[in-house]
Amino acid sequence: METYDYEKLNRDFESKSSEEIIGWAVREFGPGLTMSTSFGAESAVLLHLVTQIKPDLPVLFTNTGFHFKETLAHRDALVKRLRLNLRELKPEMPTDEFLAKNGRLYEPDPDACCAVNKIAPFEKALKDYRAWITGIRRNQADTRKSSQFVENYRDRLVKINPLLNWTGKMFWDYAQKHGLPYHPLWEKGYLSIGCSPECCTRPVLGGENPRSGRWAGKAKTECGIQTFLKEEAASQTPK
C-alpha cells in the first residue's frame, strides 16, 4: 500500500470542508475508492455529499438479515432519490439457517453475531478497494473521539472520515436545505440504528450520547468495523 503522511494530511484537513476531503479521496484513489453506509438515522447526508462529487461511487451496505423494516424502506428511498451505485452485502449463512444453528446468539455473544453477519461480508468486499469513506463523528461515542480524517486501516486500506466534526444540528440543517428524507425511526428517539430492537437497538434516552441505544446494558458500543476488532470478534465466531 502507498504510504501517506497521515499527520500532515490530518492537520490540513482540520480546516477543510467535508466536500474538499471527499474530493481529495476521489482524485487520489479513483476506482479504488468506496464508501459504506448503514442507511441509519443520518446516512442520507454523507450519501448526498459523496454523490454530488462522485455519483457512481460504489456504496457498500451489509444487509445482516436483522434490520428494521423501516431501515430497508429508507434504503430503497435513498437508492431511488440519489441513484446510488449500491453494492448490497450479505452473510454467507442465510438468516433462517443462522438462527436455526445458533439461536439468539446476539443476546449472549453480540460480538460473535456481528462477526458472522456484518464484519465478515464487509471485510470480504473491502478487498476490492484501496480506500473507504465512512460517516463516523467524534461526538457519537467515546470510541470515536480520537478518530482522524484519514487513517491507516491495518496497513491495507486508507480510511477517510470527512464528517468527524459535524454536529447534529449541522446534519439537520443540511438535510433540510437539500430536502433529504430522514429515517422514519429518528423521531421515535433512535439516533443510531443497527439491527432490530430484539437484537441490539433501542431509543436513546435524554442526556445519552447518540450510540447509547446500541447493545444497551452490554460492554459493547461498536460492531467492530470501525474499531479494528475483526480479529477479536472472529475468534468468537460460532463453529
C-alpha atoms as a PDB file:
ATOM      1  CA  MET A   1       0.000   0.000   0.000  1.00  0.00           C
ATOM      2  CA  GLU A   2       1.210   3.500  -0.826  1.00  0.00           C
ATOM      3  CA  THR A   3       2.345   5.381   2.257  1.00  0.00           C
ATOM      4  CA  TYR A   4       0.913   8.750   3.278  1.00  0.00           C
ATOM      5  CA  ASP A   5       1.955  11.445   5.682  1.00  0.00           C
ATOM      6  CA  TYR A   6      -1.121  10.962   7.840  1.00  0.00           C
ATOM      7  CA  GLU A   7      -0.076  13.553  10.385  1.00  0.00           C
ATOM      8  CA  LYS A   8       0.191  16.277   7.743  1.00  0.00           C
ATOM      9  CA  LEU A   9      -2.999  15.234   5.954  1.00  0.00           C
ATOM     10  CA  ASN A  10      -4.986  15.311   9.171  1.00  0.00           C
ATOM     11  CA  ARG A  11      -3.533  18.642  10.196  1.00  0.00           C
ATOM     12  CA  ASP A  12      -4.533  20.101   6.826  1.00  0.00           C
ATOM     13  CA  PHE A  13      -7.980  18.508   6.795  1.00  0.00           C
ATOM     14  CA  GLU A  14      -8.958  20.020  10.146  1.00  0.00           C
ATOM     15  CA  SER A  15      -9.505  23.282   8.252  1.00  0.00           C
ATOM     16  CA  LYS A  16     -11.017  21.752   5.097  1.00  0.00           C
ATOM     17  CA  SER A  17     -14.679  21.212   4.279  1.00  0.00           C
ATOM     18  CA  SER A  18     -16.158  17.744   4.008  1.00  0.00           C
ATOM     19  CA  GLU A  19     -16.570  18.308   0.267  1.00  0.00           C
ATOM     20  CA  GLU A  20     -12.873  19.102  -0.069  1.00  0.00           C
ATOM     21  CA  ILE A  21     -11.882  15.948   1.813  1.00  0.00           C
ATOM     22  CA  ILE A  22     -14.194  13.802  -0.314  1.00  0.00           C
ATOM     23  CA  GLY A  23     -12.856  15.463  -3.462  1.00  0.00           C
ATOM     24  CA  TRP A  24      -9.290  14.636  -2.414  1.00  0.00           C
ATOM     25  CA  ALA A  25     -10.266  10.991  -1.889  1.00  0.00           C
ATOM     26  CA  VAL A  26     -11.962  10.744  -5.286  1.00  0.00           C
ATOM     27  CA  ARG A  27      -8.932  12.195  -7.060  1.00  0.00           C
ATOM     28  CA  GLU A  28      -6.416  10.185  -5.046  1.00  0.00           C
ATOM     29  CA  PHE A  29      -7.993   6.741  -5.260  1.00  0.00           C
ATOM     30  CA  GLY A  30     -10.196   6.786  -8.366  1.00  0.00           C
ATOM     31  CA  PRO A  31     -11.848   3.382  -8.946  1.00  0.00           C
ATOM     32  CA  GLY A  32     -10.162   2.082  -5.785  1.00  0.00           C
ATOM     33  CA  LEU A  33     -12.491   4.155  -3.595  1.00  0.00           C
ATOM     34  CA  THR A  34     -15.741   3.041  -1.963  1.00  0.00           C
ATOM     35  CA  MET A  35     -17.971   4.189   0.890  1.00  0.00           C
ATOM     36  CA  SER A  36     -20.043   2.380   3.478  1.00  0.00           C
ATOM     37  CA  THR A  37     -23.490   3.156   4.808  1.00  0.00           C
ATOM     38  CA  SER A  38     -25.879   1.648   7.327  1.00  0.00           C
ATOM     39  CA  PHE A  39     -28.867   3.615   5.957  1.00  0.00           C
ATOM     40  CA  GLY A  40     -29.228   4.787   9.536  1.00  0.00           C
ATOM     41  CA  ALA A  41     -30.515   7.985  11.070  1.00  0.00           C
ATOM     42  CA  GLU A  42     -28.009  10.355   9.434  1.00  0.00           C
ATOM     43  CA  SER A  43     -26.817   8.352   6.437  1.00  0.00           C
ATOM     44  CA  ALA A  44     -28.608  10.466   3.844  1.00  0.00           C
ATOM     45  CA  VAL A  45     -26.248  13.409   4.396  1.00  0.00           C
ATOM     46  CA  LEU A  46     -22.983  11.641   3.560  1.00  0.00           C
ATOM     47  CA  LEU A  47     -24.619   9.790   0.670  1.00  0.00           C
ATOM     48  CA  HIS A  48     -25.778  13.112  -0.761  1.00  0.00           C
ATOM     49  CA  LEU A  49     -22.395  14.799  -0.219  1.00  0.00           C
ATOM     50  CA  VAL A  50     -20.496  11.974  -1.908  1.00  0.00           C
ATOM     51  CA  THR A  51     -22.835  11.547  -4.866  1.00  0.00           C
ATOM     52  CA  GLN A  52     -22.648  15.273  -5.659  1.00  0.00           C
ATOM     53  CA  ILE A  53     -18.934  14.729  -6.240  1.00  0.00           C
ATOM     54  CA  LYS A  54     -18.819  11.139  -7.494  1.00  0.00           C
ATOM     55  CA  PRO A  55     -22.334   9.973  -8.483  1.00  0.00           C
ATOM     56  CA  ASP A  56     -21.338   6.407  -9.321  1.00  0.00           C
ATOM     57  CA  LEU A  57     -19.147   5.711  -6.294  1.00  0.00           C
ATOM     58  CA  PRO A  58     -19.767   2.136  -5.058  1.00  0.00           C
ATOM     59  CA  VAL A  59     -21.810   2.171  -1.843  1.00  0.00           C
ATOM     60  CA  LEU A  60     -21.392  -0.834   0.465  1.00  0.00           C
ATOM     61  CA  PHE A  61     -24.325  -1.859   2.638  1.00  0.00           C
ATOM     62  CA  THR A  62     -24.244  -5.007   4.752  1.00  0.00           C
ATOM     63  CA  ASN A  63     -27.742  -6.459   4.958  1.00  0.00           C
ATOM     64  CA  THR A  64     -27.400  -8.591   8.081  1.00  0.00           C
ATOM     65  CA  GLY A  65     -30.894 -10.029   7.789  1.00  0.00           C
ATOM     66  CA  PHE A  66     -31.855  -8.437  11.108  1.00  0.00           C
ATOM     67  CA  HIS A  67     -32.554  -4.845  10.023  1.00  0.00           C
ATOM     68  CA  PHE A  68     -35.639  -2.835  10.887  1.00  0.00           C
ATOM     69  CA  LYS A  69     -38.175  -2.838   8.065  1.00  0.00           C
ATOM     70  CA  GLU A  70     -38.010   0.964   8.285  1.00  0.00           C
ATOM     71  CA  THR A  71     -34.284   0.859   7.504  1.00  0.00           C
ATOM     72  CA  LEU A  72     -34.866  -1.183   4.368  1.00  0.00           C
ATOM     73  CA  ALA A  73     -37.600   1.222   3.265  1.00  0.00           C
ATOM     74  CA  HIS A  74     -35.212   4.139   3.897  1.00  0.00           C
ATOM     75  CA  ARG A  75     -32.573   2.323   1.834  1.00  0.00           C
ATOM     76  CA  ASP A  76     -34.965   1.957  -1.090  1.00  0.00           C
ATOM     77  CA  ALA A  77     -35.983   5.630  -0.922  1.00  0.00           C
ATOM     78  CA  LEU A  78     -32.372   6.845  -0.924  1.00  0.00           C
ATOM     79  CA  VAL A  79     -31.273   4.468  -3.683  1.00  0.00           C
ATOM     80  CA  LYS A  80     -34.039   5.860  -5.868  1.00  0.00           C
ATOM     81  CA  ARG A  81     -33.586   9.503  -4.885  1.00  0.00           C
ATOM     82  CA  LEU A  82     -29.781   9.588  -5.198  1.00  0.00           C
ATOM     83  CA  ARG A  83     -29.435   6.875  -7.881  1.00  0.00           C
ATOM     84  CA  LEU A  84     -26.944   5.070  -5.709  1.00  0.00           C
ATOM     85  CA  ASN A  85     -24.496   2.530  -7.085  1.00  0.00           C
ATOM     86  CA  LEU A  86     -25.424   0.171  -4.277  1.00  0.00           C
ATOM     87  CA  ARG A  87     -23.467  -2.985  -3.568  1.00  0.00           C
ATOM     88  CA  GLU A  88     -25.513  -4.932  -1.045  1.00  0.00           C
ATOM     89  CA  LEU A  89     -23.543  -7.456   1.001  1.00  0.00           C
ATOM     90  CA  LYS A  90     -24.974 -10.460   2.806  1.00  0.00           C
ATOM     91  CA  PRO A  91     -23.615 -13.082   5.223  1.00  0.00           C
ATOM     92  CA  GLU A  92     -22.700 -16.454   3.766  1.00  0.00           C
ATOM     93  CA  MET A  93     -25.240 -18.122   6.059  1.00  0.00           C
ATOM     94  CA  PRO A  94     -28.875 -17.066   5.432  1.00  0.00           C
ATOM     95  CA  THR A  95     -30.693 -15.628   8.446  1.00  0.00           C
ATOM     96  CA  ASP A  96     -33.050 -18.580   8.955  1.00  0.00           C
ATOM     97  CA  GLU A  97     -30.152 -21.030   8.862  1.00  0.00           C
ATOM     98  CA  PHE A  98     -28.109 -18.866  11.225  1.00  0.00           C
ATOM     99  CA  LEU A  99     -30.967 -18.731  13.760  1.00  0.00           C
ATOM    100  CA  ALA A 100     -31.596 -22.463  13.490  1.00  0.00           C
ATOM    101  CA  LYS A 101     -27.935 -23.224  14.127  1.00  0.00           C
ATOM    102  CA  ASN A 102     -27.063 -20.532  16.691  1.00  0.00           C
ATOM    103  CA  GLY A 103     -30.343 -19.353  18.163  1.00  0.00           C
ATOM    104  CA  ARG A 104     -30.444 -15.793  19.533  1.00  0.00           C
ATOM    105  CA  LEU A 105     -26.663 -15.516  19.576  1.00  0.00           C
ATOM    106  CA  TYR A 106     -26.899 -11.726  19.678  1.00  0.00           C
ATOM    107  CA  GLU A 107     -28.055 -11.928  23.303  1.00  0.00           C
ATOM    108  CA  PRO A 108     -25.203 -13.875  24.967  1.00  0.00           C
ATOM    109  CA  ASP A 109     -22.490 -13.035  22.436  1.00  0.00           C
ATOM    110  CA  PRO A 110     -23.179  -9.971  20.252  1.00  0.00           C
ATOM    111  CA  ASP A 111     -19.527  -9.809  19.115  1.00  0.00           C
ATOM    112  CA  ALA A 112     -19.791 -13.246  17.528  1.00  0.00           C
ATOM    113  CA  CYS A 113     -23.111 -12.344  15.918  1.00  0.00           C
ATOM    114  CA  CYS A 114     -21.588  -9.190  14.403  1.00  0.00           C
ATOM    115  CA  ALA A 115     -18.521 -11.118  13.247  1.00  0.00           C
ATOM    116  CA  VAL A 116     -20.596 -13.508  11.150  1.00  0.00           C
ATOM    117  CA  ASN A 117     -23.411 -11.305   9.930  1.00  0.00           C
ATOM    118  CA  LYS A 118     -21.743  -7.921   9.478  1.00  0.00           C
ATOM    119  CA  ILE A 119     -17.959  -7.858   9.660  1.00  0.00           C
ATOM    120  CA  ALA A 120     -17.136 -10.924   7.550  1.00  0.00           C
ATOM    121  CA  PRO A 121     -19.107  -9.933   4.426  1.00  0.00           C
ATOM    122  CA  PHE A 122     -17.969  -6.318   4.756  1.00  0.00           C
ATOM    123  CA  GLU A 123     -14.277  -7.103   5.007  1.00  0.00           C
ATOM    124  CA  LYS A 124     -14.547  -9.522   2.100  1.00  0.00           C
ATOM    125  CA  ALA A 125     -15.958  -6.698  -0.044  1.00  0.00           C
ATOM    126  CA  LEU A 126     -13.276  -4.234   1.096  1.00  0.00           C
ATOM    127  CA  LYS A 127     -10.587  -6.381  -0.545  1.00  0.00           C
ATOM    128  CA  ASP A 128     -11.690  -4.887  -3.863  1.00  0.00           C
ATOM    129  CA  TYR A 129     -10.736  -1.338  -2.832  1.00  0.00           C
ATOM    130  CA  ARG A 130      -7.803   0.830  -1.725  1.00  0.00           C
ATOM    131  CA  ALA A 131      -9.751   3.361   0.318  1.00  0.00           C
ATOM    132  CA  TRP A 132     -13.056   3.650   2.135  1.00  0.00           C
ATOM    133  CA  ILE A 133     -15.199   6.633   3.173  1.00  0.00           C
ATOM    134  CA  THR A 134     -17.235   6.411   6.400  1.00  0.00           C
ATOM    135  CA  GLY A 135     -19.670   8.739   8.178  1.00  0.00           C
ATOM    136  CA  ILE A 136     -18.406   8.484  11.761  1.00  0.00           C
ATOM    137  CA  ARG A 137     -18.268  11.536  14.037  1.00  0.00           C
ATOM    138  CA  ARG A 138     -16.146  12.288  17.068  1.00  0.00           C
ATOM    139  CA  ASN A 139     -19.131  13.230  19.226  1.00  0.00           C
ATOM    140  CA  GLN A 140     -21.001   9.963  18.681  1.00  0.00           C
ATOM    141  CA  ALA A 141     -19.206   7.910  21.327  1.00  0.00           C
ATOM    142  CA  ASP A 142     -16.024   7.725  23.407  1.00  0.00           C
ATOM    143  CA  THR A 143     -14.679   5.086  20.999  1.00  0.00           C
ATOM    144  CA  ARG A 144     -14.671   7.694  18.215  1.00  0.00           C
ATOM    145  CA  LYS A 145     -13.278  10.774  19.980  1.00  0.00           C
ATOM    146  CA  SER A 146      -9.718  10.207  18.796  1.00  0.00           C
ATOM    147  CA  SER A 147     -10.628   9.392  15.179  1.00  0.00           C
ATOM    148  CA  GLN A 148      -8.779  11.244  12.423  1.00  0.00           C
ATOM    149  CA  PHE A 149      -9.900  12.384   8.993  1.00  0.00           C
ATOM    150  CA  VAL A 150      -7.521   9.959   7.266  1.00  0.00           C
ATOM    151  CA  GLU A 151      -6.400   6.716   8.902  1.00  0.00           C
ATOM    152  CA  ASN A 152      -4.323   3.682   8.026  1.00  0.00           C
ATOM    153  CA  TYR A 153      -6.681   0.720   8.222  1.00  0.00           C
ATOM    154  CA  ARG A 154      -4.500  -2.241   9.224  1.00  0.00           C
ATOM    155  CA  ASP A 155      -1.825  -1.404   6.618  1.00  0.00           C
ATOM    156  CA  ARG A 156      -4.178  -2.388   3.805  1.00  0.00           C
ATOM    157  CA  LEU A 157      -6.647   0.452   3.302  1.00  0.00           C
ATOM    158  CA  VAL A 158      -6.922   4.184   3.766  1.00  0.00           C
ATOM    159  CA  LYS A 159      -9.986   5.064   5.823  1.00  0.00           C
ATOM    160  CA  ILE A 160     -11.469   8.525   5.270  1.00  0.00           C
ATOM    161  CA  ASN A 161     -13.853  10.166   7.772  1.00  0.00           C
ATOM    162  CA  PRO A 162     -14.966  13.514   6.278  1.00  0.00           C
ATOM    163  CA  LEU A 163     -17.743  14.256   8.819  1.00  0.00           C
ATOM    164  CA  LEU A 164     -15.715  13.989  12.027  1.00  0.00           C
ATOM    165  CA  ASN A 165     -16.510  17.460  13.346  1.00  0.00           C
ATOM    166  CA  TRP A 166     -20.154  17.647  12.310  1.00  0.00           C
ATOM    167  CA  THR A 167     -22.833  18.271  14.920  1.00  0.00           C
ATOM    168  CA  GLY A 168     -26.389  17.006  14.983  1.00  0.00           C
ATOM    169  CA  LYS A 169     -27.603  20.489  14.036  1.00  0.00           C
ATOM    170  CA  MET A 170     -25.324  20.528  11.000  1.00  0.00           C
ATOM    171  CA  PHE A 171     -26.864  17.263   9.814  1.00  0.00           C
ATOM    172  CA  TRP A 172     -30.377  18.557  10.327  1.00  0.00           C
ATOM    173  CA  ASP A 173     -29.669  21.869   8.559  1.00  0.00           C
ATOM    174  CA  TYR A 174     -28.029  20.113   5.601  1.00  0.00           C
ATOM    175  CA  ALA A 175     -30.865  17.607   5.242  1.00  0.00           C
ATOM    176  CA  GLN A 176     -33.456  20.391   5.393  1.00  0.00           C
ATOM    177  CA  LYS A 177     -31.577  22.506   2.837  1.00  0.00           C
ATOM    178  CA  HIS A 178     -31.439  19.653   0.326  1.00  0.00           C
ATOM    179  CA  GLY A 179     -34.818  18.116   1.102  1.00  0.00           C
ATOM    180  CA  LEU A 180     -33.328  14.777   2.094  1.00  0.00           C
ATOM    181  CA  PRO A 181     -35.606  12.079   3.549  1.00  0.00           C
ATOM    182  CA  TYR A 182     -34.955  11.185   7.171  1.00  0.00           C
ATOM    183  CA  HIS A 183     -35.078   7.739   8.718  1.00  0.00           C
ATOM    184  CA  PRO A 184     -38.633   7.124   9.974  1.00  0.00           C
ATOM    185  CA  LEU A 185     -37.347   5.945  13.368  1.00  0.00           C
ATOM    186  CA  TRP A 186     -35.448   9.176  14.031  1.00  0.00           C
ATOM    187  CA  GLU A 187     -38.458  10.952  15.509  1.00  0.00           C
ATOM    188  CA  LYS A 188     -39.012   7.974  17.815  1.00  0.00           C
ATOM    189  CA  GLY A 189     -35.647   8.520  19.502  1.00  0.00           C
ATOM    190  CA  TYR A 190     -33.485   6.115  17.510  1.00  0.00           C
ATOM    191  CA  LEU A 191     -30.393   8.263  16.926  1.00  0.00           C
ATOM    192  CA  SER A 192     -28.162   5.341  15.964  1.00  0.00           C
ATOM    193  CA  ILE A 193     -29.857   2.471  14.190  1.00  0.00           C
ATOM    194  CA  GLY A 194     -28.475  -1.015  13.767  1.00  0.00           C
ATOM    195  CA  CYS A 195     -30.313  -4.315  13.864  1.00  0.00           C
ATOM    196  CA  SER A 196     -33.867  -4.669  15.138  1.00  0.00           C
ATOM    197  CA  PRO A 197     -34.947  -3.986  18.762  1.00  0.00           C
ATOM    198  CA  GLU A 198     -34.798  -7.599  19.879  1.00  0.00           C
ATOM    199  CA  CYS A 199     -31.167  -7.710  18.720  1.00  0.00           C
ATOM    200  CA  CYS A 200     -29.282  -4.554  19.611  1.00  0.00           C
ATOM    201  CA  THR A 201     -31.067  -1.215  19.213  1.00  0.00           C
ATOM    202  CA  ARG A 202     -33.300   0.877  21.468  1.00  0.00           C
ATOM    203  CA  PRO A 203     -34.219   4.580  21.501  1.00  0.00           C
ATOM    204  CA  VAL A 204     -31.689   6.964  23.068  1.00  0.00           C
ATOM    205  CA  LEU A 205     -32.689   8.484  26.411  1.00  0.00           C
ATOM    206  CA  GLY A 206     -32.223  12.123  27.429  1.00  0.00           C
ATOM    207  CA  GLY A 207     -28.597  13.047  28.067  1.00  0.00           C
ATOM    208  CA  GLU A 208     -27.181   9.920  26.419  1.00  0.00           C
ATOM    209  CA  ASN A 209     -24.750  10.002  23.507  1.00  0.00           C
ATOM    210  CA  PRO A 210     -26.155   9.035  20.077  1.00  0.00           C
ATOM    211  CA  ARG A 211     -24.850   5.460  20.253  1.00  0.00           C
ATOM    212  CA  SER A 212     -26.124   4.641  23.747  1.00  0.00           C
ATOM    213  CA  GLY A 213     -29.065   2.795  22.267  1.00  0.00           C
ATOM    214  CA  ARG A 214     -26.806   0.188  20.687  1.00  0.00           C
ATOM    215  CA  TRP A 215     -26.190  -3.006  22.690  1.00  0.00           C
ATOM    216  CA  ALA A 216     -27.626  -1.281  25.769  1.00  0.00           C
ATOM    217  CA  GLY A 217     -26.626  -2.982  29.000  1.00  0.00           C
ATOM    218  CA  LYS A 218     -23.605  -4.644  27.407  1.00  0.00           C
ATOM    219  CA  ALA A 219     -19.961  -3.584  27.339  1.00  0.00           C
ATOM    220  CA  LYS A 220     -20.174  -3.041  23.601  1.00  0.00           C
ATOM    221  CA  THR A 221     -20.653   0.132  21.564  1.00  0.00           C
ATOM    222  CA  GLU A 222     -19.255  -0.876  18.159  1.00  0.00           C
ATOM    223  CA  CYS A 223     -19.904  -3.751  15.784  1.00  0.00           C
ATOM    224  CA  GLY A 224     -16.155  -3.912  15.149  1.00  0.00           C
ATOM    225  CA  ILE A 225     -15.839  -2.463  11.651  1.00  0.00           C
ATOM    226  CA  GLN A 226     -14.888   0.998  12.892  1.00  0.00           C
ATOM    227  CA  THR A 227     -12.692  -0.126  15.774  1.00  0.00           C
ATOM    228  CA  PHE A 228     -10.421  -2.741  14.197  1.00  0.00           C
ATOM    229  CA  LEU A 229     -11.949  -5.599  16.203  1.00  0.00           C
ATOM    230  CA  LYS A 230     -12.393  -8.164  13.472  1.00  0.00           C
ATOM    231  CA  GLU A 231      -9.674 -10.480  14.730  1.00  0.00           C
ATOM    232  CA  GLU A 232     -11.097 -10.443  18.253  1.00  0.00           C
ATOM    233  CA  ALA A 233     -14.680 -10.912  17.095  1.00  0.00           C
ATOM    234  CA  ALA A 234     -13.742 -13.619  14.586  1.00  0.00           C
ATOM    235  CA  SER A 235     -12.165 -15.663  17.345  1.00  0.00           C
ATOM    236  CA  GLN A 236     -15.631 -15.848  18.898  1.00  0.00           C
ATOM    237  CA  THR A 237     -17.378 -16.849  15.690  1.00  0.00           C
ATOM    238  CA  PRO A 238     -19.651 -19.894  16.219  1.00  0.00           C
ATOM    239  CA  LYS A 239     -18.355 -23.039  14.601  1.00  0.00           C
END
